[in-house]
Amino acid sequence: MGENPELYGTAFETGWGWCAVTRNGGGEVVQLLLPTKREKAEQFIKNLQWKKFPAVEKAVRDYFKGVRADFSGIRLCMDGMPDFHRKVYKQLLKVPYGKRVTYKELARMAGNPNASRAVGGAMRRNPIPLIIPCHRVIRSDGATGQFSADGGPAFKRRMLEMESSRDSRSNLN
């Protein structure tokens, strides 16, 4: 697994399936694969050096247990992203657990109120879903909208329902 010396990867199981994460040499998360089949998670990191990321793994596992996972200490790599995407992602990081924002609201927050479609494009290309919580972005009519993870909009609805359930536990207990 050592073909790319600048990136490291790991795959791990959660209660919802297998996730994979890649990280650069500086310790920043570059990509996250939401729960899927083990084979797909292993393929995601196939040519990378294997390295466990305990803080990321714990936070992701906690999230899929229904615990309010704390991603705030996890550094993200936004190098090479279009400026607008970076702006959108930084605003989206401010949307708290259990809350939702529309594409239009997020466009306004990012400084371009007429860029709803561009926000949708940024969500489709989000390399770090969950940590950059694109699942919290919904249509203005309240519909879920699309989702690029395995399971599509149904998976997104499941995440939103879990976050909004009254019995979601905090990791502060």
Protein backbone atom coordinates (compact mmCIF):
# COMPACT_ATOMS: atom_id res chain seq x y z
CA MET A 1 0.00 0.00 0.00
CA GLY A 2 2.85 2.47 -0.26
CA GLU A 3 2.55 4.03 -3.73
CA ASN A 4 1.68 7.58 -2.58
CA PRO A 5 4.14 8.72 0.13
CA GLU A 6 2.23 11.98 0.73
CA LEU A 7 -1.10 10.40 1.63
CA TYR A 8 -2.07 7.90 4.29
CA GLY A 9 -5.29 5.97 4.57
CA THR A 10 -7.30 3.72 6.81
CA ALA A 11 -10.56 1.85 6.57
CA PHE A 12 -12.67 1.00 9.60
CA GLU A 13 -16.06 -0.39 10.47
CA THR A 14 -18.92 1.64 11.93
CA GLY A 15 -22.41 0.57 12.92
CA TRP A 16 -23.63 1.71 9.48
CA GLY A 17 -20.90 0.13 7.34
CA TRP A 18 -17.25 0.63 6.45
CA CYS A 19 -15.69 4.09 6.20
CA ALA A 20 -12.32 5.15 4.86
CA VAL A 21 -10.30 8.28 5.42
CA THR A 22 -7.20 9.73 3.82
CA ARG A 23 -4.84 12.17 5.45
CA ASN A 24 -1.86 14.12 4.19
CA GLY A 25 1.59 14.19 5.79
CA GLY A 26 0.62 17.30 7.72
CA GLY A 27 -2.16 15.44 9.50
CA GLU A 28 -5.06 17.08 7.62
CA VAL A 29 -8.00 14.99 6.46
CA VAL A 30 -8.13 15.01 2.66
CA GLN A 31 -11.06 12.67 1.97
CA LEU A 32 -13.68 10.69 3.85
CA LEU A 33 -15.78 7.89 2.45
CA LEU A 34 -19.15 7.49 4.15
CA PRO A 35 -20.34 4.01 5.18
CA THR A 36 -20.30 1.48 2.40
CA LYS A 37 -19.22 -2.12 1.83
CA ARG A 38 -15.83 -3.19 3.15
CA GLU A 39 -14.47 -3.86 -0.34
CA LYS A 40 -15.29 -0.33 -1.49
CA ALA A 41 -13.65 1.21 1.61
CA GLU A 42 -10.52 -0.87 1.09
CA GLN A 43 -10.42 0.08 -2.60
CA PHE A 44 -10.67 3.76 -1.62
CA ILE A 45 -7.29 3.57 0.16
CA LYS A 46 -5.73 0.79 -1.92
CA ASN A 47 -2.58 2.60 -3.06
CA LEU A 48 -1.94 4.57 0.13
CA GLN A 49 0.28 3.94 3.09
CA TRP A 50 -1.82 2.45 5.87
CA LYS A 51 -2.02 4.54 9.02
CA LYS A 52 -4.70 4.59 11.70
CA PHE A 53 -6.26 7.93 12.70
CA PRO A 54 -7.69 7.26 16.15
CA ALA A 55 -9.33 10.68 16.69
CA VAL A 56 -11.07 10.65 13.31
CA GLU A 57 -12.08 7.00 13.62
CA LYS A 58 -13.55 7.59 17.10
CA ALA A 59 -15.48 10.68 16.02
CA VAL A 60 -16.91 8.95 12.93
CA ARG A 61 -17.82 5.80 14.88
CA ASP A 62 -19.44 7.95 17.60
CA TYR A 63 -21.48 9.80 15.00
CA PHE A 64 -22.86 6.58 13.54
CA LYS A 65 -23.76 5.41 17.07
CA GLY A 66 -25.98 8.49 17.43
CA VAL A 67 -23.51 10.37 19.63
CA ARG A 68 -22.82 14.04 18.94
CA ALA A 69 -19.32 13.52 17.70
CA ASP A 70 -16.82 16.33 18.07
CA PHE A 71 -15.04 17.02 14.79
CA SER A 72 -13.78 20.47 15.85
CA GLY A 73 -10.21 19.37 16.52
CA ILE A 74 -9.85 17.59 13.20
CA ARG A 75 -7.87 19.59 10.67
CA LEU A 76 -9.13 19.57 7.10
CA CYS A 77 -7.16 19.98 3.89
CA MET A 78 -8.88 22.43 1.55
CA ASP A 79 -5.90 22.89 -0.76
CA GLY A 80 -6.79 22.87 -4.42
CA MET A 81 -10.49 23.51 -3.85
CA PRO A 82 -12.18 26.33 -5.75
CA ASP A 83 -12.46 29.49 -3.63
CA PHE A 84 -16.25 29.40 -3.66
CA HIS A 85 -16.31 25.79 -2.45
CA ARG A 86 -13.92 26.70 0.37
CA LYS A 87 -16.19 29.59 1.41
CA VAL A 88 -19.26 27.36 1.31
CA TYR A 89 -17.57 24.58 3.32
CA LYS A 90 -16.34 27.04 5.96
CA GLN A 91 -19.88 28.37 6.37
CA LEU A 92 -21.32 24.87 6.45
CA LEU A 93 -18.97 23.95 9.30
CA LYS A 94 -20.92 26.48 11.38
CA VAL A 95 -24.23 24.62 10.98
CA PRO A 96 -24.69 22.73 14.25
CA TYR A 97 -25.60 19.11 14.79
CA GLY A 98 -29.34 18.59 14.31
CA LYS A 99 -29.84 21.79 12.30
CA ARG A 100 -30.46 22.18 8.59
CA VAL A 101 -29.76 24.91 6.09
CA THR A 102 -31.11 25.37 2.57
CA TYR A 103 -28.92 25.64 -0.49
CA LYS A 104 -30.15 29.23 -0.85
CA GLU A 105 -29.34 30.11 2.79
CA LEU A 106 -25.89 28.59 2.46
CA ALA A 107 -25.27 30.58 -0.75
CA ARG A 108 -26.19 33.75 1.16
CA MET A 109 -23.94 32.79 4.09
CA ALA A 110 -21.06 32.29 1.61
CA GLY A 111 -21.59 35.78 0.21
CA ASN A 112 -23.39 34.97 -3.03
CA PRO A 113 -27.18 34.75 -2.50
CA ASN A 114 -27.84 33.83 -6.14
CA ALA A 115 -25.51 30.82 -6.16
CA SER A 116 -27.84 28.05 -4.93
CA ARG A 117 -26.93 25.80 -7.86
CA ALA A 118 -23.22 26.40 -7.28
CA VAL A 119 -23.74 25.40 -3.64
CA GLY A 120 -25.30 22.17 -4.91
CA GLY A 121 -22.20 21.60 -7.02
CA ALA A 122 -19.98 22.17 -4.00
CA MET A 123 -22.03 19.66 -2.00
CA ARG A 124 -21.69 17.06 -4.78
CA ARG A 125 -17.92 17.53 -4.79
CA ASN A 126 -17.43 17.63 -1.01
CA PRO A 127 -14.42 15.37 -0.40
CA ILE A 128 -14.94 15.28 3.37
CA PRO A 129 -18.66 14.57 3.93
CA LEU A 130 -19.90 14.22 7.48
CA ILE A 131 -17.07 16.38 8.87
CA ILE A 132 -18.09 19.05 6.34
CA PRO A 133 -21.76 18.23 6.94
CA CYS A 134 -23.25 18.42 3.44
CA HIS A 135 -26.06 16.13 4.60
CA ARG A 136 -27.47 19.13 6.54
CA VAL A 137 -28.16 21.05 3.32
CA ILE A 138 -31.72 20.69 2.06
CA ARG A 139 -33.93 22.20 -0.61
CA SER A 140 -35.99 25.35 0.06
CA ASP A 141 -39.20 23.30 -0.07
CA GLY A 142 -37.92 21.15 2.81
CA ALA A 143 -37.16 18.13 0.62
CA THR A 144 -33.93 16.29 1.28
CA GLY A 145 -32.40 16.81 -2.13
CA GLN A 146 -29.71 14.60 -3.63
CA PHE A 147 -26.86 12.83 -1.84
CA SER A 148 -23.83 11.22 -3.45
CA ALA A 149 -23.10 8.60 -0.77
CA ASP A 150 -24.19 4.98 -1.16
CA GLY A 151 -27.90 4.92 -0.44
CA GLY A 152 -28.44 8.41 -1.88
CA PRO A 153 -31.23 10.60 -0.46
CA ALA A 154 -32.50 7.77 1.79
CA PHE A 155 -29.10 7.64 3.50
CA LYS A 156 -29.15 11.44 3.90
CA ARG A 157 -32.65 11.28 5.44
CA ARG A 158 -31.46 8.61 7.86
CA MET A 159 -28.58 10.85 8.99
CA LEU A 160 -30.88 13.85 9.41
CA GLU A 161 -33.44 11.80 11.34
CA MET A 162 -30.75 10.46 13.65
CA GLU A 163 -29.46 13.97 14.32
CA SER A 164 -32.91 15.36 15.04
CA SER A 165 -34.06 12.50 17.27
CA ARG A 166 -34.56 13.44 20.89
CA ASP A 167 -32.55 10.50 22.13
CA SER A 168 -29.30 11.40 20.34
CA ARG A 169 -26.68 11.24 23.05
CA SER A 170 -23.95 13.79 23.54
CA ASN A 171 -20.35 12.69 23.90
CA LEU A 172 -20.18 15.11 26.82
CA ASN A 173 -21.98 12.61 29.11
